[in-house]
Amino acid sequence: MTPDQIEKYVDAASAALELPVSAAHRPGVLENFTRLAQLAALVNEFPLTPEDEPAPLWKPGV
């Protein structure tokens, strides 16, 4: 994601959740989302084959 896309996403998510981000916290929130987008890109780049299976469903206490 580009910095502009991250800013738009943070603004949209903040509005949708009715969770305002103060001006003092905005730089940190944007920095965190930038890092998260970089981590998500690594996950999305990992090649999967048709033989790859999803993890089993974990049910605690069962």
PDB file of N, CA and C in Angstrom:
ATOM      1  N   MET A   1       0.845  -1.183   0.000  1.00  0.00           N
ATOM      2  CA  MET A   1       0.000   0.000   0.000  1.00  0.00           C
ATOM      3  C   MET A   1       0.882   1.236   0.000  1.00  0.00           C
ATOM      4  N   THR A   2       0.419   2.227  -0.682  1.00  0.00           N
ATOM      5  CA  THR A   2       1.145   3.490  -0.702  1.00  0.00           C
ATOM      6  C   THR A   2       0.783   4.288   0.557  1.00  0.00           C
ATOM      7  N   PRO A   3       1.616   5.257   0.913  1.00  0.00           N
ATOM      8  CA  PRO A   3       1.276   6.094   2.077  1.00  0.00           C
ATOM      9  C   PRO A   3      -0.100   6.762   1.941  1.00  0.00           C
ATOM     10  N   ASP A   4      -0.458   7.178   0.733  1.00  0.00           N
ATOM     11  CA  ASP A   4      -1.762   7.798   0.518  1.00  0.00           C
ATOM     12  C   ASP A   4      -2.893   6.799   0.759  1.00  0.00           C
ATOM     13  N   GLN A   5      -2.719   5.566   0.291  1.00  0.00           N
ATOM     14  CA  GLN A   5      -3.731   4.531   0.507  1.00  0.00           C
ATOM     15  C   GLN A   5      -3.878   4.209   1.994  1.00  0.00           C
ATOM     16  N   ILE A   6      -2.751   4.186   2.705  1.00  0.00           N
ATOM     17  CA  ILE A   6      -2.799   3.903   4.141  1.00  0.00           C
ATOM     18  C   ILE A   6      -3.549   5.009   4.873  1.00  0.00           C
ATOM     19  N   GLU A   7      -3.284   6.258   4.518  1.00  0.00           N
ATOM     20  CA  GLU A   7      -3.993   7.371   5.155  1.00  0.00           C
ATOM     21  C   GLU A   7      -5.491   7.280   4.894  1.00  0.00           C
ATOM     22  N   LYS A   8      -5.859   6.978   3.649  1.00  0.00           N
ATOM     23  CA  LYS A   8      -7.281   6.859   3.317  1.00  0.00           C
ATOM     24  C   LYS A   8      -7.922   5.696   4.068  1.00  0.00           C
ATOM     25  N   TYR A   9      -7.193   4.582   4.189  1.00  0.00           N
ATOM     26  CA  TYR A   9      -7.723   3.427   4.916  1.00  0.00           C
ATOM     27  C   TYR A   9      -7.933   3.770   6.392  1.00  0.00           C
ATOM     28  N   VAL A  10      -6.946   4.392   7.006  1.00  0.00           N
ATOM     29  CA  VAL A  10      -7.063   4.769   8.423  1.00  0.00           C
ATOM     30  C   VAL A  10      -8.240   5.716   8.617  1.00  0.00           C
ATOM     31  N   ASP A  11      -8.388   6.683   7.724  1.00  0.00           N
ATOM     32  CA  ASP A  11      -9.509   7.623   7.831  1.00  0.00           C
ATOM     33  C   ASP A  11     -10.853   6.900   7.693  1.00  0.00           C
ATOM     34  N   ALA A  12     -10.945   5.992   6.718  1.00  0.00           N
ATOM     35  CA  ALA A  12     -12.198   5.269   6.486  1.00  0.00           C
ATOM     36  C   ALA A  12     -12.513   4.327   7.646  1.00  0.00           C
ATOM     37  N   ALA A  13     -11.511   3.617   8.132  1.00  0.00           N
ATOM     38  CA  ALA A  13     -11.726   2.690   9.243  1.00  0.00           C
ATOM     39  C   ALA A  13     -12.110   3.452  10.506  1.00  0.00           C
ATOM     40  N   SER A  14     -11.461   4.569  10.726  1.00  0.00           N
ATOM     41  CA  SER A  14     -11.764   5.394  11.891  1.00  0.00           C
ATOM     42  C   SER A  14     -13.210   5.880  11.838  1.00  0.00           C
ATOM     43  N   ALA A  15     -13.638   6.306  10.672  1.00  0.00           N
ATOM     44  CA  ALA A  15     -15.021   6.785  10.522  1.00  0.00           C
ATOM     45  C   ALA A  15     -16.009   5.631  10.674  1.00  0.00           C
ATOM     46  N   ALA A  16     -15.715   4.501  10.056  1.00  0.00           N
ATOM     47  CA  ALA A  16     -16.631   3.355  10.108  1.00  0.00           C
ATOM     48  C   ALA A  16     -16.792   2.828  11.526  1.00  0.00           C
ATOM     49  N   LEU A  17     -15.715   2.848  12.285  1.00  0.00           N
ATOM     50  CA  LEU A  17     -15.759   2.345  13.660  1.00  0.00           C
ATOM     51  C   LEU A  17     -16.160   3.407  14.670  1.00  0.00           C
ATOM     52  N   GLU A  18     -16.333   4.627  14.173  1.00  0.00           N
ATOM     53  CA  GLU A  18     -16.616   5.767  15.048  1.00  0.00           C
ATOM     54  C   GLU A  18     -15.578   5.845  16.158  1.00  0.00           C
ATOM     55  N   LEU A  19     -14.317   5.709  15.753  1.00  0.00           N
ATOM     56  CA  LEU A  19     -13.186   5.723  16.668  1.00  0.00           C
ATOM     57  C   LEU A  19     -12.210   6.799  16.190  1.00  0.00           C
ATOM     58  N   PRO A  20     -12.375   8.007  16.680  1.00  0.00           N
ATOM     59  CA  PRO A  20     -11.513   9.092  16.196  1.00  0.00           C
ATOM     60  C   PRO A  20     -10.053   8.878  16.584  1.00  0.00           C
ATOM     61  N   VAL A  21      -9.165   9.288  15.691  1.00  0.00           N
ATOM     62  CA  VAL A  21      -7.727   9.238  15.944  1.00  0.00           C
ATOM     63  C   VAL A  21      -7.273  10.683  16.134  1.00  0.00           C
ATOM     64  N   SER A  22      -6.748  10.978  17.305  1.00  0.00           N
ATOM     65  CA  SER A  22      -6.334  12.350  17.584  1.00  0.00           C
ATOM     66  C   SER A  22      -5.109  12.719  16.747  1.00  0.00           C
ATOM     67  N   ALA A  23      -4.928  13.994  16.548  1.00  0.00           N
ATOM     68  CA  ALA A  23      -3.794  14.483  15.768  1.00  0.00           C
ATOM     69  C   ALA A  23      -2.468  14.042  16.388  1.00  0.00           C
ATOM     70  N   ALA A  24      -2.432  13.947  17.707  1.00  0.00           N
ATOM     71  CA  ALA A  24      -1.203  13.536  18.392  1.00  0.00           C
ATOM     72  C   ALA A  24      -0.881  12.065  18.130  1.00  0.00           C
ATOM     73  N   HIS A  25      -1.907  11.237  17.952  1.00  0.00           N
ATOM     74  CA  HIS A  25      -1.697   9.801  17.749  1.00  0.00           C
ATOM     75  C   HIS A  25      -1.615   9.395  16.285  1.00  0.00           C
ATOM     76  N   ARG A  26      -2.052  10.261  15.392  1.00  0.00           N
ATOM     77  CA  ARG A  26      -2.123   9.928  13.962  1.00  0.00           C
ATOM     78  C   ARG A  26      -0.781   9.462  13.379  1.00  0.00           C
ATOM     79  N   PRO A  27       0.338  10.128  13.640  1.00  0.00           N
ATOM     80  CA  PRO A  27       1.611   9.650  13.063  1.00  0.00           C
ATOM     81  C   PRO A  27       1.953   8.220  13.497  1.00  0.00           C
ATOM     82  N   GLY A  28       1.710   7.890  14.737  1.00  0.00           N
ATOM     83  CA  GLY A  28       1.988   6.542  15.221  1.00  0.00           C
ATOM     84  C   GLY A  28       1.059   5.505  14.611  1.00  0.00           C
ATOM     85  N   VAL A  29      -0.211   5.872  14.443  1.00  0.00           N
ATOM     86  CA  VAL A  29      -1.178   4.959  13.829  1.00  0.00           C
ATOM     87  C   VAL A  29      -0.788   4.693  12.378  1.00  0.00           C
ATOM     88  N   LEU A  30      -0.420   5.744  11.656  1.00  0.00           N
ATOM     89  CA  LEU A  30      -0.010   5.577  10.261  1.00  0.00           C
ATOM     90  C   LEU A  30       1.265   4.738  10.162  1.00  0.00           C
ATOM     91  N   GLU A  31       2.203   4.951  11.064  1.00  0.00           N
ATOM     92  CA  GLU A  31       3.444   4.162  11.070  1.00  0.00           C
ATOM     93  C   GLU A  31       3.140   2.686  11.337  1.00  0.00           C
ATOM     94  N   ASN A  32       2.243   2.425  12.278  1.00  0.00           N
ATOM     95  CA  ASN A  32       1.884   1.044  12.591  1.00  0.00           C
ATOM     96  C   ASN A  32       1.200   0.372  11.398  1.00  0.00           C
ATOM     97  N   PHE A  33       0.265   1.065  10.754  1.00  0.00           N
ATOM     98  CA  PHE A  33      -0.406   0.491   9.595  1.00  0.00           C
ATOM     99  C   PHE A  33       0.562   0.280   8.436  1.00  0.00           C
ATOM    100  N   THR A  34       1.556   1.130   8.301  1.00  0.00           N
ATOM    101  CA  THR A  34       2.582   0.930   7.263  1.00  0.00           C
ATOM    102  C   THR A  34       3.332  -0.366   7.523  1.00  0.00           C
ATOM    103  N   ARG A  35       3.719  -0.592   8.762  1.00  0.00           N
ATOM    104  CA  ARG A  35       4.407  -1.842   9.111  1.00  0.00           C
ATOM    105  C   ARG A  35       3.505  -3.055   8.895  1.00  0.00           C
ATOM    106  N   LEU A  36       2.248  -2.945   9.291  1.00  0.00           N
ATOM    107  CA  LEU A  36       1.311  -4.046   9.099  1.00  0.00           C
ATOM    108  C   LEU A  36       1.105  -4.351   7.619  1.00  0.00           C
ATOM    109  N   ALA A  37       1.054  -3.321   6.788  1.00  0.00           N
ATOM    110  CA  ALA A  37       0.905  -3.531   5.347  1.00  0.00           C
ATOM    111  C   ALA A  37       2.125  -4.240   4.773  1.00  0.00           C
ATOM    112  N   GLN A  38       3.308  -3.918   5.280  1.00  0.00           N
ATOM    113  CA  GLN A  38       4.523  -4.598   4.828  1.00  0.00           C
ATOM    114  C   GLN A  38       4.504  -6.074   5.225  1.00  0.00           C
ATOM    115  N   LEU A  39       4.058  -6.367   6.434  1.00  0.00           N
ATOM    116  CA  LEU A  39       3.951  -7.763   6.882  1.00  0.00           C
ATOM    117  C   LEU A  39       2.892  -8.518   6.075  1.00  0.00           C
ATOM    118  N   ALA A  40       1.776  -7.873   5.812  1.00  0.00           N
ATOM    119  CA  ALA A  40       0.723  -8.508   5.021  1.00  0.00           C
ATOM    120  C   ALA A  40       1.215  -8.814   3.614  1.00  0.00           C
ATOM    121  N   ALA A  41       2.036  -7.936   3.052  1.00  0.00           N
ATOM    122  CA  ALA A  41       2.581  -8.175   1.712  1.00  0.00           C
ATOM    123  C   ALA A  41       3.444  -9.430   1.703  1.00  0.00           C
ATOM    124  N   LEU A  42       4.217  -9.650   2.759  1.00  0.00           N
ATOM    125  CA  LEU A  42       5.036 -10.862   2.841  1.00  0.00           C
ATOM    126  C   LEU A  42       4.166 -12.118   2.849  1.00  0.00           C
ATOM    127  N   VAL A  43       3.087 -12.069   3.601  1.00  0.00           N
ATOM    128  CA  VAL A  43       2.177 -13.221   3.670  1.00  0.00           C
ATOM    129  C   VAL A  43       1.526 -13.450   2.310  1.00  0.00           C
ATOM    130  N   ASN A  44       1.066 -12.378   1.675  1.00  0.00           N
ATOM    131  CA  ASN A  44       0.384 -12.504   0.391  1.00  0.00           C
ATOM    132  C   ASN A  44       1.305 -12.960  -0.733  1.00  0.00           C
ATOM    133  N   GLU A  45       2.604 -12.720  -0.599  1.00  0.00           N
ATOM    134  CA  GLU A  45       3.563 -13.123  -1.632  1.00  0.00           C
ATOM    135  C   GLU A  45       3.926 -14.605  -1.544  1.00  0.00           C
ATOM    136  N   PHE A  46       3.601 -15.251  -0.439  1.00  0.00           N
ATOM    137  CA  PHE A  46       3.970 -16.650  -0.261  1.00  0.00           C
ATOM    138  C   PHE A  46       3.160 -17.514  -1.224  1.00  0.00           C
ATOM    139  N   PRO A  47       3.856 -18.291  -2.045  1.00  0.00           N
ATOM    140  CA  PRO A  47       3.115 -19.091  -3.037  1.00  0.00           C
ATOM    141  C   PRO A  47       2.402 -20.273  -2.390  1.00  0.00           C
ATOM    142  N   LEU A  48       1.173 -20.496  -2.803  1.00  0.00           N
ATOM    143  CA  LEU A  48       0.396 -21.642  -2.348  1.00  0.00           C
ATOM    144  C   LEU A  48       0.073 -22.520  -3.556  1.00  0.00           C
ATOM    145  N   THR A  49       0.049 -23.797  -3.331  1.00  0.00           N
ATOM    146  CA  THR A  49      -0.297 -24.732  -4.399  1.00  0.00           C
ATOM    147  C   THR A  49      -1.666 -25.336  -4.106  1.00  0.00           C
ATOM    148  N   PRO A  50      -2.279 -25.973  -5.084  1.00  0.00           N
ATOM    149  CA  PRO A  50      -3.576 -26.613  -4.831  1.00  0.00           C
ATOM    150  C   PRO A  50      -3.505 -27.691  -3.746  1.00  0.00           C
ATOM    151  N   GLU A  51      -2.311 -28.234  -3.503  1.00  0.00           N
ATOM    152  CA  GLU A  51      -2.166 -29.279  -2.491  1.00  0.00           C
ATOM    153  C   GLU A  51      -2.079 -28.732  -1.074  1.00  0.00           C
ATOM    154  N   ASP A  52      -1.892 -27.432  -0.911  1.00  0.00           N
ATOM    155  CA  ASP A  52      -1.793 -26.840   0.424  1.00  0.00           C
ATOM    156  C   ASP A  52      -3.144 -26.916   1.122  1.00  0.00           C
ATOM    157  N   GLU A  53      -3.104 -27.334   2.366  1.00  0.00           N
ATOM    158  CA  GLU A  53      -4.324 -27.513   3.149  1.00  0.00           C
ATOM    159  C   GLU A  53      -4.453 -26.399   4.186  1.00  0.00           C
ATOM    160  N   PRO A  54      -5.674 -25.958   4.464  1.00  0.00           N
ATOM    161  CA  PRO A  54      -5.843 -24.993   5.553  1.00  0.00           C
ATOM    162  C   PRO A  54      -5.601 -25.680   6.895  1.00  0.00           C
ATOM    163  N   ALA A  55      -5.287 -24.881   7.880  1.00  0.00           N
ATOM    164  CA  ALA A  55      -5.070 -25.417   9.222  1.00  0.00           C
ATOM    165  C   ALA A  55      -6.391 -25.965   9.766  1.00  0.00           C
ATOM    166  N   PRO A  56      -6.327 -26.975  10.626  1.00  0.00           N
ATOM    167  CA  PRO A  56      -7.573 -27.480  11.221  1.00  0.00           C
ATOM    168  C   PRO A  56      -8.167 -26.444  12.171  1.00  0.00           C
ATOM    169  N   LEU A  57      -9.420 -26.551  12.382  1.00  0.00           N
ATOM    170  CA  LEU A  57     -10.111 -25.636  13.291  1.00  0.00           C
ATOM    171  C   LEU A  57      -9.780 -26.016  14.722  1.00  0.00           C
ATOM    172  N   TRP A  58      -9.333 -25.036  15.491  1.00  0.00           N
ATOM    173  CA  TRP A  58      -8.983 -25.259  16.883  1.00  0.00           C
ATOM    174  C   TRP A  58     -10.147 -24.820  17.757  1.00  0.00           C
ATOM    175  N   LYS A  59     -10.624 -25.706  18.607  1.00  0.00           N
ATOM    176  CA  LYS A  59     -11.708 -25.385  19.505  1.00  0.00           C
ATOM    177  C   LYS A  59     -11.211 -25.577  20.937  1.00  0.00           C
ATOM    178  N   PRO A  60     -10.916 -24.482  21.637  1.00  0.00           N
ATOM    179  CA  PRO A  60     -10.418 -24.616  23.003  1.00  0.00           C
ATOM    180  C   PRO A  60     -11.464 -25.231  23.925  1.00  0.00           C
ATOM    181  N   GLY A  61     -11.011 -26.082  24.810  1.00  0.00           N
ATOM    182  CA  GLY A  61     -11.885 -26.673  25.786  1.00  0.00           C
ATOM    183  C   GLY A  61     -12.760 -27.807  25.280  1.00  0.00           C
ATOM    184  N   VAL A  62     -12.530 -28.216  24.045  1.00  0.00           N
ATOM    185  CA  VAL A  62     -13.354 -29.314  23.498  1.00  0.00           C
ATOM    186  C   VAL A  62     -12.596 -30.599  23.574  1.00  0.00           C
TER     187      VAL A  62
END
